[in-house]
Amino acid sequence: MNKTIVLLLLLTIGIISCKNSEKVINRAEITKQYYKNLDNSDYSKISEWFANSIRTIEGEHKNTYSKKEYLEILKWDAVFEPNYEILQIEQKDGIVKAKISKMDKRIFFLHEKPFVIHQIIKFQKDKIISIETDYLNFDYPTWEKNKNGILSWIDKNNPKLNGFINDLTEDGGIKFLKAMELYKNNYSPKTTEIKNN
């Protein structure tokens, strides 16, 4: 009788353990929440989704950030008031693949249309550890023309703002917005003349 009770107890523990190990984490849902929080610039919630370090891959550019460093980049991103729209999302073998449309003030200025990107998001348990981004519609000529135009104009007319393009801090984002505002208000590419203030 005691052997039967012990055997049933061991079987019950074994079945419960198997069920817990088979519990599937809905990483697609975590990813949806991540994009929603990005869209709302809600950092208190965003930080919940990350592991202690995050690896980003964009073409040949590979970087590893601490959670704190990555949140600083997201604060820079938020300065431009981004809008993220999920076009497609799927979870397979624990990896989430998402097709996203992203538009903000910086993208509109430099790219003149939304980015359409494909992202592969990898997890460790329920935490994001890696985000790989592939740009599906990157318009290099438009981006370079607009980037070179503002950099050249700022260098000649407001050199104190130089370096804004690579400053991925919240302060750098604010300088970028200021540079765009000055450029748009004082320079007309069609006439190539500086407006009188």
N, C-alpha and C. Protein backbone atom coordinates (compact mmCIF):
# COMPACT_ATOMS: atom_id res chain seq x y z
N MET A 1 0.81 -1.20 0.00
CA MET A 1 0.00 0.00 0.00
C MET A 1 0.86 1.27 0.00
N ASN A 2 1.89 1.29 0.90
CA ASN A 2 2.78 2.45 0.96
C ASN A 2 3.55 2.62 -0.33
N LYS A 3 3.94 1.49 -0.95
CA LYS A 3 4.67 1.56 -2.23
C LYS A 3 3.78 2.19 -3.30
N THR A 4 2.50 1.85 -3.29
CA THR A 4 1.56 2.40 -4.27
C THR A 4 1.42 3.91 -4.09
N ILE A 5 1.31 4.36 -2.85
CA ILE A 5 1.18 5.80 -2.57
C ILE A 5 2.43 6.55 -3.02
N VAL A 6 3.60 5.98 -2.70
CA VAL A 6 4.87 6.61 -3.10
C VAL A 6 4.96 6.66 -4.62
N LEU A 7 4.59 5.58 -5.29
CA LEU A 7 4.64 5.53 -6.76
C LEU A 7 3.70 6.56 -7.37
N LEU A 8 2.47 6.67 -6.84
CA LEU A 8 1.52 7.67 -7.34
C LEU A 8 2.03 9.09 -7.11
N LEU A 9 2.64 9.29 -5.95
CA LEU A 9 3.19 10.61 -5.64
C LEU A 9 4.31 10.98 -6.60
N LEU A 10 5.20 10.03 -6.89
CA LEU A 10 6.29 10.28 -7.84
C LEU A 10 5.76 10.53 -9.24
N LEU A 11 4.76 9.78 -9.66
CA LEU A 11 4.15 9.98 -10.99
C LEU A 11 3.51 11.37 -11.09
N THR A 12 2.81 11.77 -10.02
CA THR A 12 2.17 13.09 -10.01
C THR A 12 3.21 14.21 -10.12
N ILE A 13 4.28 14.09 -9.34
CA ILE A 13 5.35 15.08 -9.40
C ILE A 13 5.97 15.12 -10.80
N GLY A 14 6.18 13.95 -11.38
CA GLY A 14 6.75 13.86 -12.73
C GLY A 14 5.87 14.51 -13.77
N ILE A 15 4.57 14.27 -13.69
CA ILE A 15 3.63 14.86 -14.66
C ILE A 15 3.58 16.38 -14.51
N ILE A 16 3.54 16.86 -13.27
CA ILE A 16 3.52 18.31 -13.03
C ILE A 16 4.80 18.95 -13.55
N SER A 17 5.94 18.32 -13.32
CA SER A 17 7.22 18.85 -13.80
C SER A 17 7.23 18.93 -15.31
N CYS A 18 6.73 17.90 -15.98
CA CYS A 18 6.69 17.91 -17.46
C CYS A 18 5.81 19.02 -17.97
N LYS A 19 4.65 19.21 -17.32
CA LYS A 19 3.74 20.27 -17.77
C LYS A 19 4.38 21.64 -17.62
N ASN A 20 5.09 21.86 -16.51
CA ASN A 20 5.75 23.15 -16.30
C ASN A 20 6.85 23.38 -17.32
N SER A 21 7.62 22.35 -17.65
CA SER A 21 8.70 22.52 -18.61
C SER A 21 8.16 22.71 -20.03
N GLU A 22 6.93 22.20 -20.26
CA GLU A 22 6.33 22.33 -21.59
C GLU A 22 5.55 23.63 -21.74
N LYS A 23 5.41 24.37 -20.65
CA LYS A 23 4.66 25.62 -20.71
C LYS A 23 5.31 26.55 -21.74
N VAL A 24 4.53 26.95 -22.73
CA VAL A 24 5.06 27.78 -23.81
C VAL A 24 4.91 29.24 -23.45
N ILE A 25 6.00 29.97 -23.55
CA ILE A 25 5.97 31.41 -23.32
C ILE A 25 5.49 32.06 -24.62
N ASN A 26 4.47 32.88 -24.53
CA ASN A 26 3.94 33.54 -25.72
C ASN A 26 4.81 34.75 -26.05
N ARG A 27 5.88 34.47 -26.79
CA ARG A 27 6.84 35.53 -27.11
C ARG A 27 6.30 36.51 -28.15
N ALA A 28 5.37 36.05 -28.98
CA ALA A 28 4.74 36.97 -29.94
C ALA A 28 3.95 38.03 -29.18
N GLU A 29 3.28 37.63 -28.10
CA GLU A 29 2.51 38.58 -27.29
C GLU A 29 3.45 39.55 -26.56
N ILE A 30 4.57 39.04 -26.06
CA ILE A 30 5.57 39.91 -25.43
C ILE A 30 6.06 40.94 -26.45
N THR A 31 6.32 40.49 -27.68
CA THR A 31 6.80 41.38 -28.74
C THR A 31 5.76 42.44 -29.08
N LYS A 32 4.49 42.06 -29.13
CA LYS A 32 3.43 43.04 -29.39
C LYS A 32 3.40 44.10 -28.30
N GLN A 33 3.54 43.67 -27.05
CA GLN A 33 3.57 44.62 -25.94
C GLN A 33 4.79 45.54 -26.02
N TYR A 34 5.91 44.96 -26.44
CA TYR A 34 7.15 45.73 -26.62
C TYR A 34 6.94 46.86 -27.62
N TYR A 35 6.36 46.54 -28.79
CA TYR A 35 6.11 47.57 -29.80
C TYR A 35 5.08 48.59 -29.32
N LYS A 36 4.07 48.13 -28.60
CA LYS A 36 3.06 49.05 -28.07
C LYS A 36 3.71 50.04 -27.11
N ASN A 37 4.59 49.53 -26.24
CA ASN A 37 5.28 50.41 -25.29
C ASN A 37 6.27 51.34 -25.99
N LEU A 38 6.91 50.86 -27.06
CA LEU A 38 7.77 51.74 -27.86
C LEU A 38 6.94 52.87 -28.45
N ASP A 39 5.78 52.52 -28.98
CA ASP A 39 4.89 53.49 -29.61
C ASP A 39 4.45 54.56 -28.60
N ASN A 40 4.29 54.13 -27.33
CA ASN A 40 3.86 55.05 -26.27
C ASN A 40 5.03 55.64 -25.49
N SER A 41 6.27 55.25 -25.84
CA SER A 41 7.47 55.68 -25.12
C SER A 41 7.35 55.41 -23.62
N ASP A 42 6.85 54.24 -23.28
CA ASP A 42 6.64 53.84 -21.89
C ASP A 42 7.82 52.99 -21.43
N TYR A 43 8.86 53.67 -20.90
CA TYR A 43 10.11 52.99 -20.54
C TYR A 43 9.99 52.10 -19.32
N SER A 44 9.08 52.45 -18.41
CA SER A 44 8.93 51.62 -17.22
C SER A 44 8.49 50.22 -17.61
N LYS A 45 7.67 50.13 -18.65
CA LYS A 45 7.21 48.81 -19.10
C LYS A 45 8.23 48.17 -20.05
N ILE A 46 8.86 48.99 -20.89
CA ILE A 46 9.81 48.45 -21.87
C ILE A 46 10.93 47.69 -21.19
N SER A 47 11.45 48.22 -20.09
CA SER A 47 12.59 47.60 -19.44
C SER A 47 12.28 46.19 -18.94
N GLU A 48 11.00 45.91 -18.70
CA GLU A 48 10.60 44.58 -18.24
C GLU A 48 10.88 43.50 -19.27
N TRP A 49 10.92 43.87 -20.54
CA TRP A 49 11.02 42.87 -21.61
C TRP A 49 12.46 42.49 -21.94
N PHE A 50 13.47 43.19 -21.36
CA PHE A 50 14.86 42.96 -21.74
C PHE A 50 15.64 42.14 -20.73
N ALA A 51 16.57 41.36 -21.26
CA ALA A 51 17.57 40.70 -20.42
C ALA A 51 18.57 41.76 -19.98
N ASN A 52 19.58 41.37 -19.25
CA ASN A 52 20.58 42.34 -18.77
C ASN A 52 21.42 42.93 -19.88
N SER A 53 21.55 42.22 -21.01
CA SER A 53 22.24 42.78 -22.18
C SER A 53 21.44 42.44 -23.42
N ILE A 54 21.51 43.33 -24.41
CA ILE A 54 20.76 43.20 -25.66
C ILE A 54 21.73 43.34 -26.82
N ARG A 55 21.66 42.41 -27.74
CA ARG A 55 22.49 42.46 -28.95
C ARG A 55 21.64 42.96 -30.09
N THR A 56 22.15 43.95 -30.83
CA THR A 56 21.44 44.44 -32.01
C THR A 56 22.29 44.18 -33.24
N ILE A 57 21.61 43.81 -34.31
CA ILE A 57 22.27 43.54 -35.58
C ILE A 57 21.52 44.28 -36.67
N GLU A 58 22.23 45.16 -37.37
CA GLU A 58 21.67 45.87 -38.53
C GLU A 58 22.70 45.78 -39.63
N GLY A 59 22.53 44.85 -40.54
CA GLY A 59 23.52 44.62 -41.59
C GLY A 59 24.84 44.19 -40.97
N GLU A 60 25.90 44.95 -41.24
CA GLU A 60 27.21 44.62 -40.70
C GLU A 60 27.43 45.21 -39.30
N HIS A 61 26.49 46.04 -38.85
CA HIS A 61 26.63 46.69 -37.54
C HIS A 61 26.07 45.78 -36.45
N LYS A 62 26.96 45.31 -35.57
CA LYS A 62 26.58 44.44 -34.46
C LYS A 62 27.04 45.09 -33.17
N ASN A 63 26.11 45.29 -32.26
CA ASN A 63 26.42 45.93 -30.98
C ASN A 63 25.77 45.17 -29.84
N THR A 64 26.43 45.19 -28.70
CA THR A 64 25.85 44.64 -27.49
C THR A 64 25.76 45.76 -26.46
N TYR A 65 24.56 45.95 -25.92
CA TYR A 65 24.31 47.02 -24.96
C TYR A 65 23.84 46.44 -23.63
N SER A 66 24.14 47.13 -22.55
CA SER A 66 23.50 46.79 -21.29
C SER A 66 22.05 47.26 -21.40
N LYS A 67 21.22 46.77 -20.53
CA LYS A 67 19.82 47.20 -20.54
C LYS A 67 19.73 48.72 -20.40
N LYS A 68 20.53 49.29 -19.50
CA LYS A 68 20.52 50.74 -19.28
C LYS A 68 20.93 51.49 -20.54
N GLU A 69 21.99 51.02 -21.22
CA GLU A 69 22.45 51.68 -22.45
C GLU A 69 21.38 51.61 -23.53
N TYR A 70 20.72 50.47 -23.66
CA TYR A 70 19.71 50.31 -24.70
C TYR A 70 18.49 51.20 -24.41
N LEU A 71 18.13 51.33 -23.14
CA LEU A 71 17.02 52.21 -22.79
C LEU A 71 17.35 53.67 -23.12
N GLU A 72 18.63 54.05 -23.01
CA GLU A 72 19.05 55.41 -23.38
C GLU A 72 18.83 55.64 -24.88
N ILE A 73 19.13 54.62 -25.70
CA ILE A 73 18.90 54.74 -27.15
C ILE A 73 17.41 54.86 -27.44
N LEU A 74 16.59 54.13 -26.69
CA LEU A 74 15.14 54.22 -26.89
C LEU A 74 14.62 55.60 -26.47
N LYS A 75 15.26 56.22 -25.49
CA LYS A 75 14.88 57.59 -25.11
C LYS A 75 15.23 58.56 -26.23
N TRP A 76 16.36 58.34 -26.89
CA TRP A 76 16.73 59.13 -28.07
C TRP A 76 15.66 58.96 -29.14
N ASP A 77 15.28 57.72 -29.40
CA ASP A 77 14.27 57.40 -30.41
C ASP A 77 12.95 58.11 -30.09
N ALA A 78 12.58 58.14 -28.81
CA ALA A 78 11.29 58.72 -28.40
C ALA A 78 11.20 60.22 -28.66
N VAL A 79 12.34 60.90 -28.69
CA VAL A 79 12.35 62.34 -28.96
C VAL A 79 11.67 62.65 -30.29
N PHE A 80 11.78 61.73 -31.25
CA PHE A 80 11.25 61.96 -32.60
C PHE A 80 9.79 61.51 -32.74
N GLU A 81 9.17 61.11 -31.61
CA GLU A 81 7.75 60.72 -31.58
C GLU A 81 7.44 59.62 -32.59
N PRO A 82 8.04 58.44 -32.40
CA PRO A 82 7.85 57.37 -33.38
C PRO A 82 6.47 56.74 -33.33
N ASN A 83 6.08 56.23 -34.48
CA ASN A 83 4.86 55.44 -34.60
C ASN A 83 5.25 54.09 -35.17
N TYR A 84 4.98 53.04 -34.42
CA TYR A 84 5.27 51.67 -34.84
C TYR A 84 3.96 50.97 -35.19
N GLU A 85 3.92 50.34 -36.35
CA GLU A 85 2.75 49.57 -36.75
C GLU A 85 3.20 48.16 -37.10
N ILE A 86 2.60 47.17 -36.45
CA ILE A 86 2.93 45.77 -36.74
C ILE A 86 2.16 45.35 -37.99
N LEU A 87 2.89 44.98 -39.04
CA LEU A 87 2.27 44.53 -40.28
C LEU A 87 2.08 43.01 -40.29
N GLN A 88 3.06 42.30 -39.73
CA GLN A 88 2.99 40.84 -39.61
C GLN A 88 3.79 40.43 -38.38
N ILE A 89 3.37 39.34 -37.75
CA ILE A 89 4.14 38.82 -36.62
C ILE A 89 3.88 37.32 -36.50
N GLU A 90 4.95 36.58 -36.24
CA GLU A 90 4.81 35.14 -36.04
C GLU A 90 5.88 34.64 -35.09
N GLN A 91 5.54 33.60 -34.36
CA GLN A 91 6.48 32.96 -33.44
C GLN A 91 6.73 31.55 -33.93
N LYS A 92 8.01 31.20 -34.07
CA LYS A 92 8.36 29.86 -34.50
C LYS A 92 9.65 29.44 -33.81
N ASP A 93 9.64 28.28 -33.19
CA ASP A 93 10.81 27.75 -32.49
C ASP A 93 11.37 28.75 -31.47
N GLY A 94 10.48 29.47 -30.80
CA GLY A 94 10.91 30.40 -29.75
C GLY A 94 11.44 31.73 -30.25
N ILE A 95 11.44 31.93 -31.57
CA ILE A 95 11.92 33.18 -32.18
C ILE A 95 10.71 33.91 -32.76
N VAL A 96 10.69 35.23 -32.60
CA VAL A 96 9.60 36.02 -33.17
C VAL A 96 10.12 36.77 -34.39
N LYS A 97 9.36 36.68 -35.47
CA LYS A 97 9.66 37.44 -36.68
C LYS A 97 8.53 38.44 -36.88
N ALA A 98 8.91 39.70 -37.06
CA ALA A 98 7.91 40.76 -37.21
C ALA A 98 8.25 41.65 -38.39
N LYS A 99 7.23 42.06 -39.09
CA LYS A 99 7.36 43.07 -40.15
C LYS A 99 6.70 44.33 -39.60
N ILE A 100 7.47 45.42 -39.57
CA ILE A 100 7.05 46.64 -38.89
C ILE A 100 7.16 47.84 -39.82
N SER A 101 6.21 48.74 -39.69
CA SER A 101 6.31 50.05 -40.33
C SER A 101 6.61 51.04 -39.22
N LYS A 102 7.63 51.87 -39.44
CA LYS A 102 8.01 52.87 -38.43
C LYS A 102 8.16 54.24 -39.09
N MET A 103 7.50 55.23 -38.49
CA MET A 103 7.62 56.60 -38.96
C MET A 103 7.82 57.52 -37.76
N ASP A 104 8.68 58.50 -37.92
CA ASP A 104 8.85 59.55 -36.91
C ASP A 104 9.36 60.80 -37.61
N LYS A 105 9.61 61.86 -36.83
CA LYS A 105 10.04 63.14 -37.41
C LYS A 105 11.39 63.02 -38.13
N ARG A 106 12.31 62.26 -37.56
CA ARG A 106 13.64 62.08 -38.16
C ARG A 106 13.54 61.28 -39.46
N ILE A 107 12.79 60.19 -39.42
CA ILE A 107 12.63 59.34 -40.62
C ILE A 107 11.93 60.14 -41.72
N PHE A 108 10.88 60.89 -41.35
CA PHE A 108 10.16 61.68 -42.35
C PHE A 108 11.10 62.70 -43.00
N PHE A 109 11.95 63.32 -42.19
CA PHE A 109 12.88 64.32 -42.71
C PHE A 109 13.94 63.68 -43.62
N LEU A 110 14.55 62.61 -43.18
CA LEU A 110 15.66 62.02 -43.93
C LEU A 110 15.22 61.03 -45.02
N HIS A 111 14.21 60.24 -44.73
CA HIS A 111 13.80 59.16 -45.63
C HIS A 111 12.56 59.52 -46.46
N GLU A 112 11.77 60.46 -45.94
CA GLU A 112 10.57 61.00 -46.59
C GLU A 112 9.42 60.02 -46.67
N LYS A 113 9.55 58.87 -46.08
CA LYS A 113 8.48 57.86 -46.02
C LYS A 113 8.83 56.89 -44.89
N PRO A 114 7.85 56.13 -44.42
CA PRO A 114 8.13 55.22 -43.30
C PRO A 114 9.17 54.16 -43.68
N PHE A 115 9.91 53.71 -42.66
CA PHE A 115 10.73 52.51 -42.82
C PHE A 115 9.80 51.31 -42.77
N VAL A 116 10.04 50.35 -43.62
CA VAL A 116 9.42 49.03 -43.46
C VAL A 116 10.57 48.10 -43.14
N ILE A 117 10.50 47.47 -41.97
CA ILE A 117 11.61 46.65 -41.49
C ILE A 117 11.14 45.26 -41.11
N HIS A 118 12.05 44.33 -41.22
CA HIS A 118 11.82 42.97 -40.76
C HIS A 118 12.73 42.78 -39.55
N GLN A 119 12.15 42.36 -38.43
CA GLN A 119 12.95 42.15 -37.24
C GLN A 119 12.82 40.71 -36.75
N ILE A 120 13.96 40.15 -36.36
CA ILE A 120 14.00 38.83 -35.74
C ILE A 120 14.37 39.06 -34.28
N ILE A 121 13.48 38.65 -33.39
CA ILE A 121 13.67 38.90 -31.97
C ILE A 121 13.89 37.56 -31.26
N LYS A 122 15.03 37.46 -30.58
CA LYS A 122 15.37 36.23 -29.87
C LYS A 122 15.24 36.46 -28.37
N PHE A 123 14.92 35.38 -27.69
CA PHE A 123 14.62 35.44 -26.26
C PHE A 123 15.47 34.46 -25.46
N GLN A 124 15.61 34.79 -24.19
CA GLN A 124 16.09 33.84 -23.20
C GLN A 124 14.97 33.79 -22.17
N LYS A 125 14.26 32.68 -22.15
CA LYS A 125 13.01 32.55 -21.39
C LYS A 125 12.04 33.61 -21.90
N ASP A 126 11.65 34.56 -21.03
CA ASP A 126 10.69 35.58 -21.48
C ASP A 126 11.33 36.95 -21.66
N LYS A 127 12.67 37.00 -21.80
CA LYS A 127 13.38 38.27 -21.95
C LYS A 127 14.03 38.37 -23.33
N ILE A 128 13.93 39.54 -23.93
CA ILE A 128 14.54 39.79 -25.24
C ILE A 128 16.05 39.90 -25.05
N ILE A 129 16.80 39.13 -25.87
CA ILE A 129 18.27 39.18 -25.79
C ILE A 129 18.89 39.67 -27.10
N SER A 130 18.10 39.65 -28.20
CA SER A 130 18.67 40.01 -29.50
C SER A 130 17.59 40.54 -30.42
N ILE A 131 17.93 41.62 -31.17
CA ILE A 131 17.02 42.18 -32.17
C ILE A 131 17.83 42.39 -33.45
N GLU A 132 17.45 41.65 -34.47
CA GLU A 132 18.11 41.77 -35.77
C GLU A 132 17.16 42.49 -36.73
N THR A 133 17.66 43.54 -37.37
CA THR A 133 16.82 44.39 -38.21
C THR A 133 17.31 44.39 -39.65
N ASP A 134 16.36 44.20 -40.56
CA ASP A 134 16.63 44.26 -41.99
C ASP A 134 15.67 45.29 -42.59
N TYR A 135 16.22 46.32 -43.24
CA TYR A 135 15.40 47.36 -43.85
C TYR A 135 14.94 46.90 -45.23
N LEU A 136 13.62 46.86 -45.43
CA LEU A 136 13.07 46.33 -46.67
C LEU A 136 12.89 47.39 -47.75
N ASN A 137 12.85 48.67 -47.35
CA ASN A 137 12.59 49.72 -48.35
C ASN A 137 13.53 50.91 -48.20
N PHE A 138 14.75 50.67 -47.70
CA PHE A 138 15.64 51.80 -47.42
C PHE A 138 16.01 52.52 -48.71
N ASP A 139 15.70 53.81 -48.76
CA ASP A 139 15.96 54.65 -49.93
C ASP A 139 17.27 55.42 -49.68
N TYR A 140 18.37 54.78 -50.01
CA TYR A 140 19.70 55.34 -49.71
C TYR A 140 19.92 56.70 -50.36
N PRO A 141 19.61 56.89 -51.67
CA PRO A 141 19.85 58.21 -52.29
C PRO A 141 19.11 59.35 -51.58
N THR A 142 17.84 59.12 -51.22
CA THR A 142 17.06 60.16 -50.53
C THR A 142 17.65 60.44 -49.15
N TRP A 143 17.97 59.39 -48.42
CA TRP A 143 18.55 59.52 -47.07
C TRP A 143 19.86 60.32 -47.13
N GLU A 144 20.75 59.95 -48.04
CA GLU A 144 22.06 60.62 -48.14
C GLU A 144 21.92 62.07 -48.57
N LYS A 145 21.04 62.34 -49.52
CA LYS A 145 20.82 63.72 -49.99
C LYS A 145 20.36 64.60 -48.83
N ASN A 146 19.36 64.13 -48.09
CA ASN A 146 18.82 64.92 -46.99
C ASN A 146 19.80 65.02 -45.82
N LYS A 147 20.50 63.93 -45.53
CA LYS A 147 21.49 63.94 -44.45
C LYS A 147 22.63 64.90 -44.78
N ASN A 148 23.18 64.79 -45.99
CA ASN A 148 24.29 65.66 -46.38
C ASN A 148 23.86 67.13 -46.43
N GLY A 149 22.62 67.37 -46.85
CA GLY A 149 22.10 68.74 -46.90
C GLY A 149 22.07 69.39 -45.53
N ILE A 150 21.50 68.70 -44.55
CA ILE A 150 21.41 69.28 -43.21
C ILE A 150 22.78 69.38 -42.54
N LEU A 151 23.64 68.37 -42.73
CA LEU A 151 24.97 68.41 -42.12
C LEU A 151 25.79 69.57 -42.66
N SER A 152 25.73 69.78 -43.96
CA SER A 152 26.47 70.87 -44.59
C SER A 152 25.96 72.22 -44.10
N TRP A 153 24.63 72.36 -44.07
CA TRP A 153 24.04 73.63 -43.65
C TRP A 153 24.35 73.93 -42.19
N ILE A 154 24.21 72.93 -41.32
CA ILE A 154 24.49 73.13 -39.89
C ILE A 154 25.96 73.48 -39.68
N ASP A 155 26.85 72.81 -40.41
CA ASP A 155 28.28 73.07 -40.27
C ASP A 155 28.61 74.53 -40.59
N LYS A 156 27.92 75.09 -41.59
CA LYS A 156 28.19 76.48 -41.99
C LYS A 156 27.47 77.49 -41.11
N ASN A 157 26.26 77.15 -40.67
CA ASN A 157 25.40 78.14 -40.02
C ASN A 157 25.20 77.98 -38.51
N ASN A 158 25.33 76.76 -38.00
CA ASN A 158 25.16 76.51 -36.56
C ASN A 158 26.13 75.42 -36.11
N PRO A 159 27.43 75.68 -36.21
CA PRO A 159 28.42 74.64 -35.90
C PRO A 159 28.36 74.12 -34.46
N LYS A 160 27.72 74.87 -33.57
CA LYS A 160 27.60 74.38 -32.18
C LYS A 160 26.73 73.12 -32.11
N LEU A 161 25.94 72.87 -33.14
CA LEU A 161 25.11 71.66 -33.17
C LEU A 161 25.81 70.48 -33.85
N ASN A 162 27.01 70.68 -34.37
CA ASN A 162 27.73 69.59 -35.03
C ASN A 162 27.81 68.37 -34.11
N GLY A 163 27.71 67.20 -34.70
CA GLY A 163 27.80 65.95 -33.95
C GLY A 163 26.44 65.39 -33.56
N PHE A 164 25.36 66.15 -33.81
CA PHE A 164 24.03 65.70 -33.42
C PHE A 164 23.63 64.39 -34.10
N ILE A 165 24.13 64.16 -35.30
CA ILE A 165 23.67 63.02 -36.09
C ILE A 165 24.07 61.68 -35.47
N ASN A 166 25.18 61.66 -34.72
CA ASN A 166 25.66 60.40 -34.13
C ASN A 166 25.49 60.35 -32.61
N ASP A 167 24.84 61.34 -32.04
CA ASP A 167 24.65 61.39 -30.59
C ASP A 167 23.34 60.70 -30.23
N LEU A 168 23.43 59.42 -29.84
CA LEU A 168 22.23 58.63 -29.58
C LEU A 168 21.78 58.72 -28.12
N THR A 169 21.77 59.95 -27.60
CA THR A 169 21.25 60.21 -26.26
C THR A 169 20.01 61.09 -26.42
N GLU A 170 19.26 61.21 -25.35
CA GLU A 170 18.08 62.07 -25.39
C GLU A 170 18.48 63.50 -25.76
N ASP A 171 19.58 63.99 -25.20
CA ASP A 171 20.08 65.33 -25.52
C ASP A 171 20.46 65.43 -27.00
N GLY A 172 21.08 64.36 -27.53
CA GLY A 172 21.42 64.32 -28.95
C GLY A 172 20.19 64.38 -29.83
N GLY A 173 19.13 63.70 -29.41
CA GLY A 173 17.87 63.73 -30.16
C GLY A 173 17.26 65.12 -30.17
N ILE A 174 17.34 65.81 -29.04
CA ILE A 174 16.82 67.18 -28.96
C ILE A 174 17.60 68.10 -29.88
N LYS A 175 18.94 67.92 -29.93
CA LYS A 175 19.77 68.72 -30.84
C LYS A 175 19.42 68.42 -32.30
N PHE A 176 19.15 67.15 -32.58
CA PHE A 176 18.77 66.75 -33.94
C PHE A 176 17.48 67.47 -34.35
N LEU A 177 16.49 67.47 -33.45
CA LEU A 177 15.22 68.17 -33.74
C LEU A 177 15.46 69.66 -33.97
N LYS A 178 16.32 70.26 -33.15
CA LYS A 178 16.64 71.69 -33.29
C LYS A 178 17.31 71.95 -34.64
N ALA A 179 18.24 71.06 -35.04
CA ALA A 179 18.91 71.20 -36.33
C ALA A 179 17.91 71.11 -37.47
N MET A 180 16.97 70.17 -37.39
CA MET A 180 15.96 70.03 -38.45
C MET A 180 15.08 71.27 -38.52
N GLU A 181 14.70 71.79 -37.35
CA GLU A 181 13.85 72.98 -37.32
C GLU A 181 14.56 74.18 -37.94
N LEU A 182 15.81 74.41 -37.55
CA LEU A 182 16.59 75.52 -38.11
C LEU A 182 16.76 75.37 -39.61
N TYR A 183 17.09 74.17 -40.04
CA TYR A 183 17.31 73.90 -41.46
C TYR A 183 16.04 74.15 -42.28
N LYS A 184 14.93 73.61 -41.80
CA LYS A 184 13.66 73.76 -42.54
C LYS A 184 13.19 75.21 -42.57
N ASN A 185 13.40 75.94 -41.46
CA ASN A 185 12.92 77.32 -41.37
C ASN A 185 13.81 78.34 -42.07
N ASN A 186 15.07 77.97 -42.32
CA ASN A 186 16.02 78.97 -42.86
C ASN A 186 16.65 78.58 -44.19
N TYR A 187 16.29 77.44 -44.72
CA TYR A 187 16.94 77.00 -45.95
C TYR A 187 15.91 76.39 -46.89
N SER A 188 15.96 76.80 -48.13
CA SER A 188 15.07 76.24 -49.14
C SER A 188 15.91 75.54 -50.19
N PRO A 189 15.92 74.20 -50.24
CA PRO A 189 16.74 73.49 -51.23
C PRO A 189 16.39 73.87 -52.67
N LYS A 190 15.14 74.28 -52.91
CA LYS A 190 14.74 74.62 -54.27
C LYS A 190 15.47 75.88 -54.77
N THR A 191 15.64 76.84 -53.85
CA THR A 191 16.28 78.10 -54.28
C THR A 191 17.74 78.15 -53.87
N THR A 192 18.13 77.23 -52.98
CA THR A 192 19.48 77.19 -52.41
C THR A 192 19.90 78.54 -51.83
N GLU A 193 18.92 79.24 -51.29
CA GLU A 193 19.22 80.52 -50.65
C GLU A 193 18.87 80.45 -49.17
N ILE A 194 19.67 81.14 -48.38
CA ILE A 194 19.37 81.24 -46.96
C ILE A 194 18.34 82.36 -46.81
N LYS A 195 17.26 82.06 -46.08
CA LYS A 195 16.24 83.08 -45.85
C LYS A 195 16.76 84.10 -44.84
N ASN A 196 16.31 85.33 -44.99
CA ASN A 196 16.66 86.38 -44.02
C ASN A 196 15.84 86.18 -42.76
N ASN A 197 16.51 86.29 -41.59
CA ASN A 197 15.78 86.14 -40.32
C ASN A 197 15.18 87.47 -39.90
